[in-house]
Amino acid sequence: MTPRPLGSTGLEVTPLCVGTSPLASMPRLYGYDVSDERAVATIEAVLDSPIRFIDTSNGYGEHGEAEKRIGLALAARGGLPADVVLATKVDPDPVTGDFSGKRVLASYEESLERLGVDRVPLLYLHDPERISFEEAVAPGGAVEALVRLRDEGRVDYIGVAGGPVRLLAQYLETGKFDALLSHNRYTLLDRSAQSLFATARQRGIGVVNAAPFGGGMLAKGPDVQSKYGYGERDERIADAARAMAAACARHEVPLPAAALQFSLRAPFIDATVVGVSSPERVDQTLEYAGLEIPEGLWAELETMVPPSDFWLD
């Protein structure tokens, strides 16, 4: 967990980043509830661990529950430790759907209040597919507001975080973003974001890969979690996951360890975001990251990757 540069931002981050979406207690998405006590204990476990990078969002939970719970944990510790990088994201108004520049500024202020901090060093535009690209980059739009926050020194760096690869590439082409986060699109089963990540890395943009387990399929197995990337996919995705699990078993390696390290070993990824929902998951994730995996397994897994027709776009 030695910190490394996040692109050319000047931030130093650990290769593992804790994602806090599960801590918002969204049973419709994850299938289980998370209490305040469990969420706070999880953040405390992160703060006690070698992981020094935490990712959250204004929109995690119906009323910003993830940020509120992080704020409770930080308050109990007397504030955010100086060596921890805390990133959050701006989101549309949950009632009206407004994602204007004005809403971006309001979203950031809400986040600061919940988290109990004066600022964050890294702020993302979250899931920009919820508005048109033209609307986002127009005068008075979301991108202009993010740039203003950076120019005024209220954040150090700005990023774009979302799924669709072609849309994220459009945002990077504006030349205004310091960091990129994409989810579920660089995993053992899906390489959609590989070219985007490699290009961003060449430009000095910080690259963050989220959801290396594909939303659970590569952690729990396809017979427990049939969805990939939070949706039902072609059965050939599940078949590939079963074949990969069998290959890992032959090498006595847990499938989730291989899934995690696939992202950690990529030369164009600065940090990998793993969502956690309990203190035990923090320890387990660190264990997966440290397991020795034979080179022969990587070669075998490459032969099982589904065709690109089945990847997310």
C-alpha atoms as a PDB file:
ATOM      1  CA  MET A   1       0.000   0.000   0.000  1.00  0.00           C
ATOM      2  CA  THR A   2       2.888   2.367  -0.764  1.00  0.00           C
ATOM      3  CA  PRO A   3       1.369   5.646  -2.017  1.00  0.00           C
ATOM      4  CA  ARG A   4       1.935   6.517  -5.665  1.00  0.00           C
ATOM      5  CA  PRO A   5       1.246   9.573  -7.832  1.00  0.00           C
ATOM      6  CA  LEU A   6      -2.290  10.001  -9.150  1.00  0.00           C
ATOM      7  CA  GLY A   7      -1.345  10.933 -12.690  1.00  0.00           C
ATOM      8  CA  SER A   8       0.334  14.312 -12.694  1.00  0.00           C
ATOM      9  CA  THR A   9      -2.008  15.798 -10.104  1.00  0.00           C
ATOM     10  CA  GLY A  10       0.540  15.883  -7.299  1.00  0.00           C
ATOM     11  CA  LEU A  11      -1.706  13.768  -5.098  1.00  0.00           C
ATOM     12  CA  GLU A  12      -0.218  10.607  -3.613  1.00  0.00           C
ATOM     13  CA  VAL A  13      -2.719   7.762  -3.245  1.00  0.00           C
ATOM     14  CA  THR A  14      -2.553   4.137  -2.213  1.00  0.00           C
ATOM     15  CA  PRO A  15      -3.214   1.606  -4.992  1.00  0.00           C
ATOM     16  CA  LEU A  16      -6.302   0.472  -3.072  1.00  0.00           C
ATOM     17  CA  CYS A  17      -9.131   2.941  -2.568  1.00  0.00           C
ATOM     18  CA  VAL A  18     -12.192   2.180  -0.463  1.00  0.00           C
ATOM     19  CA  GLY A  19     -15.512   2.794  -2.153  1.00  0.00           C
ATOM     20  CA  THR A  20     -18.350   3.781   0.149  1.00  0.00           C
ATOM     21  CA  SER A  21     -21.463   3.246  -1.959  1.00  0.00           C
ATOM     22  CA  PRO A  22     -22.369   0.088   0.023  1.00  0.00           C
ATOM     23  CA  LEU A  23     -22.176   2.082   3.263  1.00  0.00           C
ATOM     24  CA  ALA A  24     -25.151   4.181   2.156  1.00  0.00           C
ATOM     25  CA  SER A  25     -27.413   1.152   2.763  1.00  0.00           C
ATOM     26  CA  MET A  26     -29.079   0.732  -0.629  1.00  0.00           C
ATOM     27  CA  PRO A  27     -30.751  -2.694  -0.432  1.00  0.00           C
ATOM     28  CA  ARG A  28     -32.344  -2.356  -3.887  1.00  0.00           C
ATOM     29  CA  LEU A  29     -28.856  -2.189  -5.384  1.00  0.00           C
ATOM     30  CA  TYR A  30     -26.868  -4.457  -3.054  1.00  0.00           C
ATOM     31  CA  GLY A  31     -29.509  -6.664  -1.473  1.00  0.00           C
ATOM     32  CA  TYR A  32     -28.756  -5.823   2.160  1.00  0.00           C
ATOM     33  CA  ASP A  33     -28.985  -3.025   4.719  1.00  0.00           C
ATOM     34  CA  VAL A  34     -26.055  -1.405   6.507  1.00  0.00           C
ATOM     35  CA  SER A  35     -26.632   0.260   9.876  1.00  0.00           C
ATOM     36  CA  ASP A  36     -25.036   3.506  11.020  1.00  0.00           C
ATOM     37  CA  GLU A  37     -22.945   1.574  13.536  1.00  0.00           C
ATOM     38  CA  ARG A  38     -21.619  -0.880  10.957  1.00  0.00           C
ATOM     39  CA  ALA A  39     -20.852   1.887   8.472  1.00  0.00           C
ATOM     40  CA  VAL A  40     -18.937   3.952  11.018  1.00  0.00           C
ATOM     41  CA  ALA A  41     -17.034   0.873  12.204  1.00  0.00           C
ATOM     42  CA  THR A  42     -16.085   0.153   8.590  1.00  0.00           C
ATOM     43  CA  ILE A  43     -14.651   3.633   8.046  1.00  0.00           C
ATOM     44  CA  GLU A  44     -12.785   3.336  11.345  1.00  0.00           C
ATOM     45  CA  ALA A  45     -11.297   0.054  10.103  1.00  0.00           C
ATOM     46  CA  VAL A  46     -10.199   1.809   6.914  1.00  0.00           C
ATOM     47  CA  LEU A  47      -8.556   4.595   8.899  1.00  0.00           C
ATOM     48  CA  ASP A  48      -6.714   1.963  10.954  1.00  0.00           C
ATOM     49  CA  SER A  49      -5.552   0.178   7.796  1.00  0.00           C
ATOM     50  CA  PRO A  50      -2.769   0.954   5.291  1.00  0.00           C
ATOM     51  CA  ILE A  51      -5.392   2.227   2.811  1.00  0.00           C
ATOM     52  CA  ARG A  52      -5.197   6.021   2.567  1.00  0.00           C
ATOM     53  CA  PHE A  53      -7.705   6.758  -0.202  1.00  0.00           C
ATOM     54  CA  ILE A  54     -11.490   6.971   0.308  1.00  0.00           C
ATOM     55  CA  ASP A  55     -14.068   7.548  -2.443  1.00  0.00           C
ATOM     56  CA  THR A  56     -17.634   8.701  -1.883  1.00  0.00           C
ATOM     57  CA  SER A  57     -20.389  10.750  -3.510  1.00  0.00           C
ATOM     58  CA  ASN A  58     -23.157  13.211  -2.762  1.00  0.00           C
ATOM     59  CA  GLY A  59     -25.588  10.756  -4.322  1.00  0.00           C
ATOM     60  CA  TYR A  60     -24.739   7.626  -2.337  1.00  0.00           C
ATOM     61  CA  GLY A  61     -27.924   7.026  -0.377  1.00  0.00           C
ATOM     62  CA  GLU A  62     -31.275   8.731  -0.435  1.00  0.00           C
ATOM     63  CA  HIS A  63     -30.098  11.579   1.772  1.00  0.00           C
ATOM     64  CA  GLY A  64     -26.332  11.410   1.327  1.00  0.00           C
ATOM     65  CA  GLU A  65     -26.058   8.612   3.877  1.00  0.00           C
ATOM     66  CA  ALA A  66     -22.555   7.521   2.856  1.00  0.00           C
ATOM     67  CA  GLU A  67     -21.128  11.001   3.367  1.00  0.00           C
ATOM     68  CA  LYS A  68     -22.996  11.457   6.651  1.00  0.00           C
ATOM     69  CA  ARG A  69     -21.591   8.201   8.004  1.00  0.00           C
ATOM     70  CA  ILE A  70     -18.067   9.042   6.893  1.00  0.00           C
ATOM     71  CA  GLY A  71     -18.519  12.366   8.658  1.00  0.00           C
ATOM     72  CA  LEU A  72     -19.506  10.608  11.882  1.00  0.00           C
ATOM     73  CA  ALA A  73     -16.391   8.429  11.732  1.00  0.00           C
ATOM     74  CA  LEU A  74     -14.132  11.378  10.998  1.00  0.00           C
ATOM     75  CA  ALA A  75     -15.637  13.428  13.809  1.00  0.00           C
ATOM     76  CA  ALA A  76     -14.944  10.595  16.235  1.00  0.00           C
ATOM     77  CA  ARG A  77     -11.310  10.675  15.119  1.00  0.00           C
ATOM     78  CA  GLY A  78     -10.995  14.413  15.453  1.00  0.00           C
ATOM     79  CA  GLY A  79     -11.051  15.018  11.717  1.00  0.00           C
ATOM     80  CA  LEU A  80      -9.606  13.602   8.526  1.00  0.00           C
ATOM     81  CA  PRO A  81      -6.074  12.244   8.985  1.00  0.00           C
ATOM     82  CA  ALA A  82      -3.547  14.316   7.053  1.00  0.00           C
ATOM     83  CA  ASP A  83      -2.336  11.354   4.995  1.00  0.00           C
ATOM     84  CA  VAL A  84      -5.796  10.265   3.795  1.00  0.00           C
ATOM     85  CA  VAL A  85      -7.061  11.476   0.412  1.00  0.00           C
ATOM     86  CA  LEU A  86     -10.844  11.903   0.471  1.00  0.00           C
ATOM     87  CA  ALA A  87     -12.605  12.256  -2.872  1.00  0.00           C
ATOM     88  CA  THR A  88     -16.282  12.933  -3.443  1.00  0.00           C
ATOM     89  CA  LYS A  89     -18.547  13.577  -6.421  1.00  0.00           C
ATOM     90  CA  VAL A  90     -21.185  16.108  -7.375  1.00  0.00           C
ATOM     91  CA  ASP A  91     -24.626  14.765  -8.290  1.00  0.00           C
ATOM     92  CA  PRO A  92     -27.919  16.103  -9.683  1.00  0.00           C
ATOM     93  CA  ASP A  93     -30.642  17.398  -7.420  1.00  0.00           C
ATOM     94  CA  PRO A  94     -32.388  14.218  -6.186  1.00  0.00           C
ATOM     95  CA  VAL A  95     -35.846  15.730  -6.607  1.00  0.00           C
ATOM     96  CA  THR A  96     -35.682  17.860  -9.756  1.00  0.00           C
ATOM     97  CA  GLY A  97     -32.804  16.176 -11.569  1.00  0.00           C
ATOM     98  CA  ASP A  98     -31.138  19.563 -12.094  1.00  0.00           C
ATOM     99  CA  PHE A  99     -27.440  19.144 -12.930  1.00  0.00           C
ATOM    100  CA  SER A 100     -26.585  22.742 -13.772  1.00  0.00           C
ATOM    101  CA  GLY A 101     -23.528  24.658 -12.652  1.00  0.00           C
ATOM    102  CA  LYS A 102     -25.562  26.079  -9.788  1.00  0.00           C
ATOM    103  CA  ARG A 103     -26.452  22.550  -8.686  1.00  0.00           C
ATOM    104  CA  VAL A 104     -22.789  21.475  -8.843  1.00  0.00           C
ATOM    105  CA  LEU A 105     -21.852  24.219  -6.380  1.00  0.00           C
ATOM    106  CA  ALA A 106     -24.744  23.295  -4.085  1.00  0.00           C
ATOM    107  CA  SER A 107     -23.882  19.597  -4.254  1.00  0.00           C
ATOM    108  CA  TYR A 108     -20.319  20.308  -3.181  1.00  0.00           C
ATOM    109  CA  GLU A 109     -21.452  22.437  -0.240  1.00  0.00           C
ATOM    110  CA  GLU A 110     -23.816  19.667   0.885  1.00  0.00           C
ATOM    111  CA  SER A 111     -20.952  17.180   0.762  1.00  0.00           C
ATOM    112  CA  LEU A 112     -18.645  19.343   2.839  1.00  0.00           C
ATOM    113  CA  GLU A 113     -21.324  19.751   5.499  1.00  0.00           C
ATOM    114  CA  ARG A 114     -22.037  16.025   5.703  1.00  0.00           C
ATOM    115  CA  LEU A 115     -18.374  15.050   5.716  1.00  0.00           C
ATOM    116  CA  GLY A 116     -17.465  17.702   8.267  1.00  0.00           C
ATOM    117  CA  VAL A 117     -14.506  18.983   6.239  1.00  0.00           C
ATOM    118  CA  ASP A 118     -13.612  22.383   4.780  1.00  0.00           C
ATOM    119  CA  ARG A 119     -12.616  21.026   1.365  1.00  0.00           C
ATOM    120  CA  VAL A 120     -11.684  17.887  -0.529  1.00  0.00           C
ATOM    121  CA  PRO A 121      -8.646  17.621  -2.791  1.00  0.00           C
ATOM    122  CA  LEU A 122     -10.435  15.717  -5.578  1.00  0.00           C
ATOM    123  CA  LEU A 123     -13.971  16.319  -6.827  1.00  0.00           C
ATOM    124  CA  TYR A 124     -15.618  14.365  -9.649  1.00  0.00           C
ATOM    125  CA  LEU A 125     -18.503  15.030 -11.991  1.00  0.00           C
ATOM    126  CA  HIS A 126     -20.557  11.910 -11.275  1.00  0.00           C
ATOM    127  CA  ASP A 127     -22.326   9.810 -13.916  1.00  0.00           C
ATOM    128  CA  PRO A 128     -22.542  12.614 -16.496  1.00  0.00           C
ATOM    129  CA  GLU A 129     -24.662  10.379 -18.740  1.00  0.00           C
ATOM    130  CA  ARG A 130     -27.609  11.787 -16.788  1.00  0.00           C
ATOM    131  CA  ILE A 131     -27.419  14.964 -18.878  1.00  0.00           C
ATOM    132  CA  SER A 132     -26.269  15.648 -22.415  1.00  0.00           C
ATOM    133  CA  PHE A 133     -22.618  16.433 -23.037  1.00  0.00           C
ATOM    134  CA  GLU A 134     -23.643  19.701 -24.686  1.00  0.00           C
ATOM    135  CA  GLU A 135     -25.581  20.755 -21.598  1.00  0.00           C
ATOM    136  CA  ALA A 136     -22.678  19.903 -19.297  1.00  0.00           C
ATOM    137  CA  VAL A 137     -20.078  21.941 -21.215  1.00  0.00           C
ATOM    138  CA  ALA A 138     -22.337  24.909 -21.999  1.00  0.00           C
ATOM    139  CA  PRO A 139     -21.807  28.260 -20.260  1.00  0.00           C
ATOM    140  CA  GLY A 140     -23.231  28.004 -16.754  1.00  0.00           C
ATOM    141  CA  GLY A 141     -23.059  24.228 -16.929  1.00  0.00           C
ATOM    142  CA  ALA A 142     -21.596  21.581 -14.684  1.00  0.00           C
ATOM    143  CA  VAL A 143     -18.092  21.583 -16.175  1.00  0.00           C
ATOM    144  CA  GLU A 144     -17.726  25.353 -15.899  1.00  0.00           C
ATOM    145  CA  ALA A 145     -18.718  25.156 -12.208  1.00  0.00           C
ATOM    146  CA  LEU A 146     -16.170  22.431 -11.485  1.00  0.00           C
ATOM    147  CA  VAL A 147     -13.422  24.442 -13.170  1.00  0.00           C
ATOM    148  CA  ARG A 148     -14.473  27.457 -11.099  1.00  0.00           C
ATOM    149  CA  LEU A 149     -14.150  25.450  -7.880  1.00  0.00           C
ATOM    150  CA  ARG A 150     -10.627  24.449  -8.885  1.00  0.00           C
ATOM    151  CA  ASP A 151      -9.652  27.935 -10.033  1.00  0.00           C
ATOM    152  CA  GLU A 152     -10.868  29.404  -6.761  1.00  0.00           C
ATOM    153  CA  GLY A 153      -8.812  26.862  -4.803  1.00  0.00           C
ATOM    154  CA  ARG A 154     -11.834  25.239  -3.204  1.00  0.00           C
ATOM    155  CA  VAL A 155     -10.694  21.894  -4.612  1.00  0.00           C
ATOM    156  CA  ASP A 156      -7.263  20.969  -5.901  1.00  0.00           C
ATOM    157  CA  TYR A 157      -8.243  18.723  -8.796  1.00  0.00           C
ATOM    158  CA  ILE A 158     -11.358  17.793 -10.743  1.00  0.00           C
ATOM    159  CA  GLY A 159     -12.295  14.528 -12.406  1.00  0.00           C
ATOM    160  CA  VAL A 160     -15.058  12.806 -14.296  1.00  0.00           C
ATOM    161  CA  ALA A 161     -16.487   9.528 -12.960  1.00  0.00           C
ATOM    162  CA  GLY A 162     -18.930   7.320 -14.792  1.00  0.00           C
ATOM    163  CA  GLY A 163     -19.466   4.294 -16.964  1.00  0.00           C
ATOM    164  CA  PRO A 164     -19.868   4.809 -20.724  1.00  0.00           C
ATOM    165  CA  VAL A 165     -16.409   4.851 -22.256  1.00  0.00           C
ATOM    166  CA  ARG A 166     -17.121   7.008 -25.304  1.00  0.00           C
ATOM    167  CA  LEU A 167     -18.797   9.676 -23.186  1.00  0.00           C
ATOM    168  CA  LEU A 168     -15.929   9.759 -20.712  1.00  0.00           C
ATOM    169  CA  ALA A 169     -13.522  10.163 -23.632  1.00  0.00           C
ATOM    170  CA  GLN A 170     -15.502  13.216 -24.768  1.00  0.00           C
ATOM    171  CA  TYR A 171     -15.037  14.808 -21.365  1.00  0.00           C
ATOM    172  CA  LEU A 172     -11.319  14.109 -21.355  1.00  0.00           C
ATOM    173  CA  GLU A 173     -10.997  15.706 -24.800  1.00  0.00           C
ATOM    174  CA  THR A 174     -12.076  19.027 -23.268  1.00  0.00           C
ATOM    175  CA  GLY A 175      -8.685  19.151 -21.560  1.00  0.00           C
ATOM    176  CA  LYS A 176     -10.272  20.343 -18.327  1.00  0.00           C
ATOM    177  CA  PHE A 177     -10.050  17.208 -16.168  1.00  0.00           C
ATOM    178  CA  ASP A 178      -7.214  15.994 -13.964  1.00  0.00           C
ATOM    179  CA  ALA A 179      -8.575  12.533 -13.151  1.00  0.00           C
ATOM    180  CA  LEU A 180     -10.789   9.812 -14.595  1.00  0.00           C
ATOM    181  CA  LEU A 181     -12.806   7.084 -12.874  1.00  0.00           C
ATOM    182  CA  SER A 182     -14.693   4.344 -14.674  1.00  0.00           C
ATOM    183  CA  HIS A 183     -16.447   1.329 -13.194  1.00  0.00           C
ATOM    184  CA  ASN A 184     -17.016  -2.287 -14.283  1.00  0.00           C
ATOM    185  CA  ARG A 185     -15.173  -1.714 -17.562  1.00  0.00           C
ATOM    186  CA  TYR A 186     -11.722  -3.038 -16.761  1.00  0.00           C
ATOM    187  CA  THR A 187     -12.108  -6.424 -15.134  1.00  0.00           C
ATOM    188  CA  LEU A 188     -11.274 -10.047 -15.810  1.00  0.00           C
ATOM    189  CA  LEU A 189     -14.510 -10.195 -17.844  1.00  0.00           C
ATOM    190  CA  ASP A 190     -14.606  -6.800 -19.574  1.00  0.00           C
ATOM    191  CA  ARG A 191     -11.823  -4.638 -21.091  1.00  0.00           C
ATOM    192  CA  SER A 192     -13.959  -1.800 -22.471  1.00  0.00           C
ATOM    193  CA  ALA A 193     -11.969   0.935 -20.737  1.00  0.00           C
ATOM    194  CA  GLN A 194      -8.453  -0.335 -21.470  1.00  0.00           C
ATOM    195  CA  SER A 195      -7.730   2.009 -24.365  1.00  0.00           C
ATOM    196  CA  LEU A 196      -9.315   4.970 -22.562  1.00  0.00           C
ATOM    197  CA  PHE A 197      -7.267   4.296 -19.442  1.00  0.00           C
ATOM    198  CA  ALA A 198      -4.034   3.914 -21.397  1.00  0.00           C
ATOM    199  CA  THR A 199      -4.630   7.160 -23.295  1.00  0.00           C
ATOM    200  CA  ALA A 200      -5.471   9.042 -20.095  1.00  0.00           C
ATOM    201  CA  ARG A 201      -2.321   7.733 -18.449  1.00  0.00           C
ATOM    202  CA  GLN A 202      -0.199   8.941 -21.376  1.00  0.00           C
ATOM    203  CA  ARG A 203      -1.691  12.420 -20.932  1.00  0.00           C
ATOM    204  CA  GLY A 204      -0.873  12.529 -17.235  1.00  0.00           C
ATOM    205  CA  ILE A 205      -4.502  12.178 -16.167  1.00  0.00           C
ATOM    206  CA  GLY A 206      -5.018  10.215 -12.952  1.00  0.00           C
ATOM    207  CA  VAL A 207      -6.667   6.848 -13.671  1.00  0.00           C
ATOM    208  CA  VAL A 208      -8.948   5.181 -11.134  1.00  0.00           C
ATOM    209  CA  ASN A 209     -10.612   1.838 -11.861  1.00  0.00           C
ATOM    210  CA  ALA A 210     -13.719   1.045  -9.838  1.00  0.00           C
ATOM    211  CA  ALA A 211     -15.680  -2.176  -9.317  1.00  0.00           C
ATOM    212  CA  PRO A 212     -13.036  -4.776 -10.252  1.00  0.00           C
ATOM    213  CA  PHE A 213     -15.521  -7.463  -9.134  1.00  0.00           C
ATOM    214  CA  GLY A 214     -18.067  -6.359 -11.726  1.00  0.00           C
ATOM    215  CA  GLY A 215     -20.674  -5.527  -9.110  1.00  0.00           C
ATOM    216  CA  GLY A 216     -20.213  -8.817  -7.271  1.00  0.00           C
ATOM    217  CA  MET A 217     -20.040 -11.556  -9.916  1.00  0.00           C
ATOM    218  CA  LEU A 218     -16.263 -11.910  -9.542  1.00  0.00           C
ATOM    219  CA  ALA A 219     -16.447 -11.765  -5.762  1.00  0.00           C
ATOM    220  CA  LYS A 220     -19.381 -14.070  -5.004  1.00  0.00           C
ATOM    221  CA  GLY A 221     -19.400 -16.095  -8.225  1.00  0.00           C
ATOM    222  CA  PRO A 222     -22.022 -16.055 -10.997  1.00  0.00           C
ATOM    223  CA  ASP A 223     -24.236 -18.632  -9.308  1.00  0.00           C
ATOM    224  CA  VAL A 224     -24.701 -16.267  -6.357  1.00  0.00           C
ATOM    225  CA  GLN A 225     -24.579 -12.945  -8.218  1.00  0.00           C
ATOM    226  CA  SER A 226     -25.991 -13.331 -11.716  1.00  0.00           C
ATOM    227  CA  LYS A 227     -25.739  -9.628 -12.542  1.00  0.00           C
ATOM    228  CA  TYR A 228     -22.641  -8.026 -14.029  1.00  0.00           C
ATOM    229  CA  GLY A 229     -22.242  -4.270 -13.789  1.00  0.00           C
ATOM    230  CA  TYR A 230     -25.561  -4.043 -11.876  1.00  0.00           C
ATOM    231  CA  GLY A 231     -27.592  -5.566 -14.706  1.00  0.00           C
ATOM    232  CA  GLU A 232     -28.448  -8.906 -16.258  1.00  0.00           C
ATOM    233  CA  ARG A 233     -26.027  -9.868 -19.047  1.00  0.00           C
ATOM    234  CA  ASP A 234     -25.636 -12.572 -21.665  1.00  0.00           C
ATOM    235  CA  GLU A 235     -25.198 -15.987 -20.059  1.00  0.00           C
ATOM    236  CA  ARG A 236     -21.794 -16.236 -21.711  1.00  0.00           C
ATOM    237  CA  ILE A 237     -20.513 -13.664 -19.213  1.00  0.00           C
ATOM    238  CA  ALA A 238     -21.511 -15.963 -16.353  1.00  0.00           C
ATOM    239  CA  ASP A 239     -20.044 -18.952 -18.191  1.00  0.00           C
ATOM    240  CA  ALA A 240     -16.712 -17.150 -18.488  1.00  0.00           C
ATOM    241  CA  ALA A 241     -16.803 -16.298 -14.794  1.00  0.00           C
ATOM    242  CA  ARG A 242     -17.415 -19.967 -13.948  1.00  0.00           C
ATOM    243  CA  ALA A 243     -14.478 -21.025 -16.112  1.00  0.00           C
ATOM    244  CA  MET A 244     -12.267 -18.424 -14.442  1.00  0.00           C
ATOM    245  CA  ALA A 245     -13.361 -19.578 -10.986  1.00  0.00           C
ATOM    246  CA  ALA A 246     -12.448 -23.156 -11.924  1.00  0.00           C
ATOM    247  CA  ALA A 247      -9.035 -22.058 -13.198  1.00  0.00           C
ATOM    248  CA  CYS A 248      -8.402 -20.122  -9.986  1.00  0.00           C
ATOM    249  CA  ALA A 249      -9.414 -23.157  -7.941  1.00  0.00           C
ATOM    250  CA  ARG A 250      -6.893 -25.310  -9.805  1.00  0.00           C
ATOM    251  CA  HIS A 251      -4.197 -22.841  -8.792  1.00  0.00           C
ATOM    252  CA  GLU A 252      -5.595 -22.551  -5.246  1.00  0.00           C
ATOM    253  CA  VAL A 253      -6.296 -18.849  -5.712  1.00  0.00           C
ATOM    254  CA  PRO A 254      -9.634 -17.239  -4.730  1.00  0.00           C
ATOM    255  CA  LEU A 255     -11.416 -15.750  -7.751  1.00  0.00           C
ATOM    256  CA  PRO A 256     -11.825 -12.343  -6.063  1.00  0.00           C
ATOM    257  CA  ALA A 257      -8.078 -12.186  -5.366  1.00  0.00           C
ATOM    258  CA  ALA A 258      -7.367 -12.647  -9.062  1.00  0.00           C
ATOM    259  CA  ALA A 259     -10.075 -10.123  -9.983  1.00  0.00           C
ATOM    260  CA  LEU A 260      -8.620  -7.519  -7.648  1.00  0.00           C
ATOM    261  CA  GLN A 261      -5.015  -8.055  -8.607  1.00  0.00           C
ATOM    262  CA  PHE A 262      -5.892  -7.939 -12.306  1.00  0.00           C
ATOM    263  CA  SER A 263      -6.637  -4.254 -11.749  1.00  0.00           C
ATOM    264  CA  LEU A 264      -3.812  -3.621  -9.282  1.00  0.00           C
ATOM    265  CA  ARG A 265      -1.184  -4.963 -11.687  1.00  0.00           C
ATOM    266  CA  ALA A 266      -2.310  -2.888 -14.700  1.00  0.00           C
ATOM    267  CA  PRO A 267       0.435  -0.374 -15.577  1.00  0.00           C
ATOM    268  CA  PHE A 268      -2.044   2.350 -16.575  1.00  0.00           C
ATOM    269  CA  ILE A 269      -4.155   2.297 -13.381  1.00  0.00           C
ATOM    270  CA  ASP A 270      -3.165   4.438 -10.401  1.00  0.00           C
ATOM    271  CA  ALA A 271      -5.788   3.219  -7.929  1.00  0.00           C
ATOM    272  CA  THR A 272      -8.509   0.587  -7.733  1.00  0.00           C
ATOM    273  CA  VAL A 273     -11.771   1.290  -5.905  1.00  0.00           C
ATOM    274  CA  VAL A 274     -13.321  -1.592  -3.975  1.00  0.00           C
ATOM    275  CA  GLY A 275     -16.636  -1.087  -2.222  1.00  0.00           C
ATOM    276  CA  VAL A 276     -16.734  -2.374   1.342  1.00  0.00           C
ATOM    277  CA  SER A 277     -19.639  -2.823   3.722  1.00  0.00           C
ATOM    278  CA  SER A 278     -18.059  -4.137   6.926  1.00  0.00           C
ATOM    279  CA  PRO A 279     -14.769  -3.991   8.847  1.00  0.00           C
ATOM    280  CA  GLU A 280     -14.130  -7.618   7.913  1.00  0.00           C
ATOM    281  CA  ARG A 281     -14.267  -6.734   4.223  1.00  0.00           C
ATOM    282  CA  VAL A 282     -11.448  -4.237   4.701  1.00  0.00           C
ATOM    283  CA  ASP A 283      -9.166  -6.959   6.062  1.00  0.00           C
ATOM    284  CA  GLN A 284     -10.287  -9.425   3.395  1.00  0.00           C
ATOM    285  CA  THR A 285      -9.576  -6.956   0.595  1.00  0.00           C
ATOM    286  CA  LEU A 286      -6.063  -6.359   1.884  1.00  0.00           C
ATOM    287  CA  GLU A 287      -5.552 -10.108   2.104  1.00  0.00           C
ATOM    288  CA  TYR A 288      -6.660 -10.565  -1.511  1.00  0.00           C
ATOM    289  CA  ALA A 289      -4.312  -7.785  -2.598  1.00  0.00           C
ATOM    290  CA  GLY A 290      -1.340  -9.492  -0.948  1.00  0.00           C
ATOM    291  CA  LEU A 291      -1.834 -13.089  -2.088  1.00  0.00           C
ATOM    292  CA  GLU A 292       0.802 -14.531  -4.394  1.00  0.00           C
ATOM    293  CA  ILE A 293      -0.659 -15.471  -7.773  1.00  0.00           C
ATOM    294  CA  PRO A 294       1.306 -17.655 -10.205  1.00  0.00           C
ATOM    295  CA  GLU A 295       2.046 -16.190 -13.643  1.00  0.00           C
ATOM    296  CA  GLY A 296       0.562 -19.246 -15.282  1.00  0.00           C
ATOM    297  CA  LEU A 297      -2.884 -18.370 -13.973  1.00  0.00           C
ATOM    298  CA  TRP A 298      -2.862 -14.964 -15.669  1.00  0.00           C
ATOM    299  CA  ALA A 299      -2.122 -16.561 -19.018  1.00  0.00           C
ATOM    300  CA  GLU A 300      -4.901 -19.091 -18.501  1.00  0.00           C
ATOM    301  CA  LEU A 301      -7.443 -16.438 -17.532  1.00  0.00           C
ATOM    302  CA  GLU A 302      -6.687 -14.461 -20.692  1.00  0.00           C
ATOM    303  CA  THR A 303      -7.958 -17.342 -22.798  1.00  0.00           C
ATOM    304  CA  MET A 304     -11.352 -17.113 -21.091  1.00  0.00           C
ATOM    305  CA  VAL A 305     -12.181 -13.435 -21.627  1.00  0.00           C
ATOM    306  CA  PRO A 306     -15.588 -13.030 -23.314  1.00  0.00           C
ATOM    307  CA  PRO A 307     -15.598 -11.497 -26.829  1.00  0.00           C
ATOM    308  CA  SER A 308     -15.789  -7.703 -26.933  1.00  0.00           C
ATOM    309  CA  ASP A 309     -19.379  -7.920 -28.226  1.00  0.00           C
ATOM    310  CA  PHE A 310     -20.413  -8.799 -24.678  1.00  0.00           C
ATOM    311  CA  TRP A 311     -18.517  -5.998 -22.930  1.00  0.00           C
ATOM    312  CA  LEU A 312     -20.165  -2.873 -21.596  1.00  0.00           C
ATOM    313  CA  ASP A 313     -19.834   0.213 -23.788  1.00  0.00           C
END
